[in-house]
Amino acid sequence: MAQETPRTARLEARIAPEALAIVKRAAEMEGRSLSDFIVSAAQEAARRTIEDNNVIRLSIEDQQRFVDMLFNPPEPSAALKRAKAAHDELVLESR
């Protein structure tokens, strides 16, 4: 059985009576306390938000283009060559 983390932090929120009724009903349907239901739902929403902001999703077409660019990169532009030369110069100066 998983060991529970002690709950020492408190969270307060104002909620419309109608919204509270829906949340209470859902918690009852799952046989959980209102507090447990809300904390669990908030954690799941937070995980989804974090994942959605950390994962890059590409269409099939964009995935193929990405792979093609990795295997067949274009020749460096003049601006990229100048940037590399400037970078190399800075790195050598810092040694």
N, C-alpha and C. Protein backbone atom coordinates (compact mmCIF):
# COMPACT_ATOMS: atom_id res chain seq x y z
N MET A 1 0.84 -1.17 0.00
CA MET A 1 0.00 0.00 0.00
C MET A 1 0.89 1.24 0.00
N ALA A 2 0.56 2.23 -0.83
CA ALA A 2 1.36 3.44 -0.96
C ALA A 2 1.24 4.28 0.31
N GLN A 3 2.34 4.86 0.69
CA GLN A 3 2.35 5.71 1.88
C GLN A 3 1.88 7.11 1.51
N GLU A 4 0.97 7.66 2.29
CA GLU A 4 0.43 8.98 1.99
C GLU A 4 1.37 10.06 2.48
N THR A 5 1.49 11.12 1.70
CA THR A 5 2.26 12.28 2.09
C THR A 5 1.42 13.10 3.05
N PRO A 6 2.00 13.56 4.14
CA PRO A 6 1.21 14.37 5.08
C PRO A 6 0.71 15.64 4.40
N ARG A 7 -0.52 15.97 4.67
CA ARG A 7 -1.12 17.17 4.08
C ARG A 7 -0.95 18.31 5.08
N THR A 8 -0.07 19.23 4.71
CA THR A 8 0.20 20.35 5.61
C THR A 8 -0.15 21.70 5.01
N ALA A 9 -0.34 21.74 3.69
CA ALA A 9 -0.67 23.00 3.02
C ALA A 9 -2.18 23.10 2.86
N ARG A 10 -2.66 24.32 2.82
CA ARG A 10 -4.10 24.55 2.71
C ARG A 10 -4.38 25.34 1.44
N LEU A 11 -5.49 25.03 0.80
CA LEU A 11 -5.93 25.72 -0.42
C LEU A 11 -7.38 26.13 -0.21
N GLU A 12 -7.67 27.38 -0.50
CA GLU A 12 -9.04 27.87 -0.39
C GLU A 12 -9.49 28.43 -1.71
N ALA A 13 -10.77 28.28 -2.00
CA ALA A 13 -11.31 28.80 -3.25
C ALA A 13 -12.78 29.14 -3.06
N ARG A 14 -13.21 30.15 -3.76
CA ARG A 14 -14.63 30.50 -3.81
C ARG A 14 -15.21 29.79 -5.01
N ILE A 15 -16.40 29.26 -4.86
CA ILE A 15 -17.02 28.51 -5.95
C ILE A 15 -18.53 28.77 -5.94
N ALA A 16 -19.09 28.84 -7.11
CA ALA A 16 -20.53 29.05 -7.23
C ALA A 16 -21.26 27.82 -6.67
N PRO A 17 -22.40 28.03 -6.05
CA PRO A 17 -23.15 26.90 -5.47
C PRO A 17 -23.45 25.79 -6.49
N GLU A 18 -23.76 26.18 -7.71
CA GLU A 18 -24.04 25.18 -8.74
C GLU A 18 -22.81 24.34 -9.06
N ALA A 19 -21.67 24.99 -9.14
CA ALA A 19 -20.43 24.27 -9.41
C ALA A 19 -20.08 23.35 -8.25
N LEU A 20 -20.30 23.81 -7.03
CA LEU A 20 -20.03 23.00 -5.86
C LEU A 20 -20.92 21.75 -5.85
N ALA A 21 -22.16 21.92 -6.23
CA ALA A 21 -23.08 20.78 -6.26
C ALA A 21 -22.60 19.73 -7.25
N ILE A 22 -22.11 20.16 -8.41
CA ILE A 22 -21.61 19.21 -9.42
C ILE A 22 -20.38 18.48 -8.90
N VAL A 23 -19.46 19.23 -8.29
CA VAL A 23 -18.23 18.62 -7.79
C VAL A 23 -18.54 17.65 -6.66
N LYS A 24 -19.46 18.03 -5.76
CA LYS A 24 -19.86 17.13 -4.67
C LYS A 24 -20.46 15.84 -5.22
N ARG A 25 -21.31 15.98 -6.22
CA ARG A 25 -21.95 14.80 -6.81
C ARG A 25 -20.91 13.87 -7.43
N ALA A 26 -19.96 14.44 -8.16
CA ALA A 26 -18.91 13.62 -8.77
C ALA A 26 -18.07 12.92 -7.70
N ALA A 27 -17.74 13.65 -6.64
CA ALA A 27 -16.95 13.04 -5.55
C ALA A 27 -17.72 11.88 -4.92
N GLU A 28 -19.02 12.07 -4.70
CA GLU A 28 -19.84 11.01 -4.13
C GLU A 28 -19.90 9.80 -5.05
N MET A 29 -20.01 10.05 -6.36
CA MET A 29 -20.07 8.95 -7.32
C MET A 29 -18.81 8.10 -7.29
N GLU A 30 -17.67 8.73 -6.97
CA GLU A 30 -16.40 8.00 -6.90
C GLU A 30 -16.11 7.50 -5.49
N GLY A 31 -17.00 7.82 -4.55
CA GLY A 31 -16.81 7.38 -3.18
C GLY A 31 -15.63 8.04 -2.50
N ARG A 32 -15.38 9.28 -2.86
CA ARG A 32 -14.24 10.02 -2.30
C ARG A 32 -14.74 11.25 -1.57
N SER A 33 -13.89 11.75 -0.69
CA SER A 33 -14.24 13.00 -0.02
C SER A 33 -14.15 14.14 -1.02
N LEU A 34 -14.86 15.21 -0.73
CA LEU A 34 -14.83 16.38 -1.61
C LEU A 34 -13.40 16.90 -1.73
N SER A 35 -12.71 16.98 -0.61
CA SER A 35 -11.33 17.48 -0.61
C SER A 35 -10.42 16.60 -1.46
N ASP A 36 -10.52 15.29 -1.27
CA ASP A 36 -9.68 14.36 -2.03
C ASP A 36 -9.99 14.47 -3.52
N PHE A 37 -11.27 14.55 -3.87
CA PHE A 37 -11.66 14.66 -5.27
C PHE A 37 -11.09 15.92 -5.90
N ILE A 38 -11.21 17.05 -5.21
CA ILE A 38 -10.74 18.33 -5.75
C ILE A 38 -9.23 18.34 -5.91
N VAL A 39 -8.52 17.84 -4.90
CA VAL A 39 -7.05 17.82 -4.98
C VAL A 39 -6.60 16.92 -6.14
N SER A 40 -7.22 15.76 -6.26
CA SER A 40 -6.87 14.84 -7.33
C SER A 40 -7.15 15.44 -8.71
N ALA A 41 -8.31 16.07 -8.86
CA ALA A 41 -8.67 16.69 -10.14
C ALA A 41 -7.71 17.84 -10.47
N ALA A 42 -7.35 18.62 -9.47
CA ALA A 42 -6.43 19.74 -9.70
C ALA A 42 -5.04 19.23 -10.10
N GLN A 43 -4.59 18.16 -9.45
CA GLN A 43 -3.28 17.60 -9.80
C GLN A 43 -3.28 17.06 -11.22
N GLU A 44 -4.34 16.37 -11.60
CA GLU A 44 -4.42 15.83 -12.96
C GLU A 44 -4.44 16.95 -13.99
N ALA A 45 -5.21 18.00 -13.73
CA ALA A 45 -5.26 19.14 -14.65
C ALA A 45 -3.89 19.81 -14.73
N ALA A 46 -3.19 19.91 -13.61
CA ALA A 46 -1.86 20.52 -13.60
C ALA A 46 -0.88 19.67 -14.42
N ARG A 47 -0.93 18.34 -14.24
CA ARG A 47 -0.04 17.46 -15.02
C ARG A 47 -0.29 17.60 -16.51
N ARG A 48 -1.57 17.63 -16.90
CA ARG A 48 -1.90 17.78 -18.32
C ARG A 48 -1.39 19.11 -18.86
N THR A 49 -1.57 20.18 -18.10
CA THR A 49 -1.11 21.50 -18.53
C THR A 49 0.41 21.51 -18.71
N ILE A 50 1.11 20.94 -17.75
CA ILE A 50 2.58 20.89 -17.83
C ILE A 50 3.01 20.06 -19.04
N GLU A 51 2.39 18.90 -19.22
CA GLU A 51 2.74 18.06 -20.37
C GLU A 51 2.45 18.76 -21.68
N ASP A 52 1.29 19.40 -21.77
CA ASP A 52 0.92 20.11 -23.01
C ASP A 52 1.91 21.22 -23.34
N ASN A 53 2.54 21.78 -22.31
CA ASN A 53 3.48 22.87 -22.55
C ASN A 53 4.91 22.39 -22.70
N ASN A 54 5.17 21.12 -22.42
CA ASN A 54 6.52 20.57 -22.54
C ASN A 54 6.70 19.64 -23.72
N VAL A 55 5.62 19.19 -24.30
CA VAL A 55 5.69 18.25 -25.41
C VAL A 55 5.34 18.97 -26.70
N ILE A 56 6.17 18.78 -27.70
CA ILE A 56 5.90 19.36 -29.01
C ILE A 56 5.22 18.29 -29.84
N ARG A 57 4.04 18.61 -30.32
CA ARG A 57 3.30 17.67 -31.16
C ARG A 57 3.31 18.19 -32.59
N LEU A 58 3.64 17.29 -33.50
CA LEU A 58 3.71 17.65 -34.91
C LEU A 58 2.73 16.80 -35.71
N SER A 59 2.20 17.40 -36.77
CA SER A 59 1.37 16.63 -37.68
C SER A 59 2.28 15.62 -38.39
N ILE A 60 1.67 14.64 -39.03
CA ILE A 60 2.45 13.64 -39.78
C ILE A 60 3.33 14.33 -40.82
N GLU A 61 2.77 15.31 -41.51
CA GLU A 61 3.52 16.05 -42.53
C GLU A 61 4.72 16.77 -41.90
N ASP A 62 4.51 17.42 -40.77
CA ASP A 62 5.60 18.13 -40.10
C ASP A 62 6.65 17.15 -39.55
N GLN A 63 6.20 15.99 -39.08
CA GLN A 63 7.16 14.98 -38.61
C GLN A 63 8.07 14.53 -39.75
N GLN A 64 7.47 14.29 -40.91
CA GLN A 64 8.24 13.86 -42.07
C GLN A 64 9.23 14.94 -42.50
N ARG A 65 8.77 16.18 -42.49
CA ARG A 65 9.64 17.30 -42.88
C ARG A 65 10.81 17.43 -41.91
N PHE A 66 10.53 17.27 -40.61
CA PHE A 66 11.57 17.34 -39.58
C PHE A 66 12.63 16.26 -39.82
N VAL A 67 12.20 15.04 -40.06
CA VAL A 67 13.14 13.94 -40.31
C VAL A 67 13.93 14.19 -41.58
N ASP A 68 13.25 14.65 -42.61
CA ASP A 68 13.95 14.96 -43.87
C ASP A 68 15.03 16.01 -43.66
N MET A 69 14.72 17.03 -42.85
CA MET A 69 15.71 18.09 -42.59
C MET A 69 16.89 17.55 -41.77
N LEU A 70 16.63 16.59 -40.88
CA LEU A 70 17.73 16.00 -40.10
C LEU A 70 18.65 15.19 -41.01
N PHE A 71 18.07 14.40 -41.90
CA PHE A 71 18.87 13.54 -42.77
C PHE A 71 19.45 14.27 -43.97
N ASN A 72 18.81 15.34 -44.38
CA ASN A 72 19.27 16.10 -45.55
C ASN A 72 19.25 17.60 -45.23
N PRO A 73 20.14 18.03 -44.35
CA PRO A 73 20.10 19.45 -43.96
C PRO A 73 20.49 20.35 -45.13
N PRO A 74 19.93 21.54 -45.18
CA PRO A 74 20.30 22.48 -46.24
C PRO A 74 21.70 23.02 -45.98
N GLU A 75 22.32 23.57 -47.01
CA GLU A 75 23.63 24.20 -46.86
C GLU A 75 23.47 25.42 -45.94
N PRO A 76 24.47 25.69 -45.11
CA PRO A 76 24.38 26.86 -44.23
C PRO A 76 24.32 28.15 -45.04
N SER A 77 23.48 29.07 -44.58
CA SER A 77 23.37 30.37 -45.25
C SER A 77 24.58 31.22 -44.88
N ALA A 78 24.73 32.33 -45.58
CA ALA A 78 25.85 33.25 -45.30
C ALA A 78 25.73 33.78 -43.86
N ALA A 79 24.51 34.08 -43.43
CA ALA A 79 24.31 34.59 -42.07
C ALA A 79 24.71 33.54 -41.03
N LEU A 80 24.38 32.29 -41.27
CA LEU A 80 24.75 31.22 -40.33
C LEU A 80 26.26 31.04 -40.30
N LYS A 81 26.92 31.15 -41.45
CA LYS A 81 28.38 31.04 -41.50
C LYS A 81 29.03 32.18 -40.72
N ARG A 82 28.49 33.40 -40.86
CA ARG A 82 29.03 34.55 -40.11
C ARG A 82 28.81 34.34 -38.60
N ALA A 83 27.66 33.82 -38.23
CA ALA A 83 27.36 33.58 -36.81
C ALA A 83 28.31 32.54 -36.24
N LYS A 84 28.59 31.49 -37.00
CA LYS A 84 29.51 30.46 -36.53
C LYS A 84 30.91 31.03 -36.37
N ALA A 85 31.35 31.85 -37.32
CA ALA A 85 32.68 32.45 -37.22
C ALA A 85 32.76 33.36 -35.99
N ALA A 86 31.70 34.12 -35.74
CA ALA A 86 31.68 35.01 -34.56
C ALA A 86 31.69 34.18 -33.29
N HIS A 87 30.95 33.09 -33.27
CA HIS A 87 30.92 32.20 -32.10
C HIS A 87 32.30 31.60 -31.85
N ASP A 88 32.92 31.09 -32.91
CA ASP A 88 34.24 30.49 -32.78
C ASP A 88 35.24 31.50 -32.25
N GLU A 89 35.15 32.73 -32.72
CA GLU A 89 36.05 33.79 -32.27
C GLU A 89 35.85 34.07 -30.79
N LEU A 90 34.60 34.14 -30.36
CA LEU A 90 34.30 34.38 -28.94
C LEU A 90 34.80 33.23 -28.05
N VAL A 91 34.61 32.03 -28.52
CA VAL A 91 35.03 30.86 -27.74
C VAL A 91 36.55 30.84 -27.61
N LEU A 92 37.26 31.13 -28.70
CA LEU A 92 38.72 31.15 -28.63
C LEU A 92 39.22 32.27 -27.72
N GLU A 93 38.54 33.42 -27.72
CA GLU A 93 38.94 34.54 -26.86
C GLU A 93 38.74 34.21 -25.39
N SER A 94 37.74 33.40 -25.09
CA SER A 94 37.43 33.13 -23.69
C SER A 94 38.35 32.07 -23.07
N ARG A 95 39.17 31.45 -23.88
CA ARG A 95 40.08 30.39 -23.35
C ARG A 95 41.31 30.97 -22.80
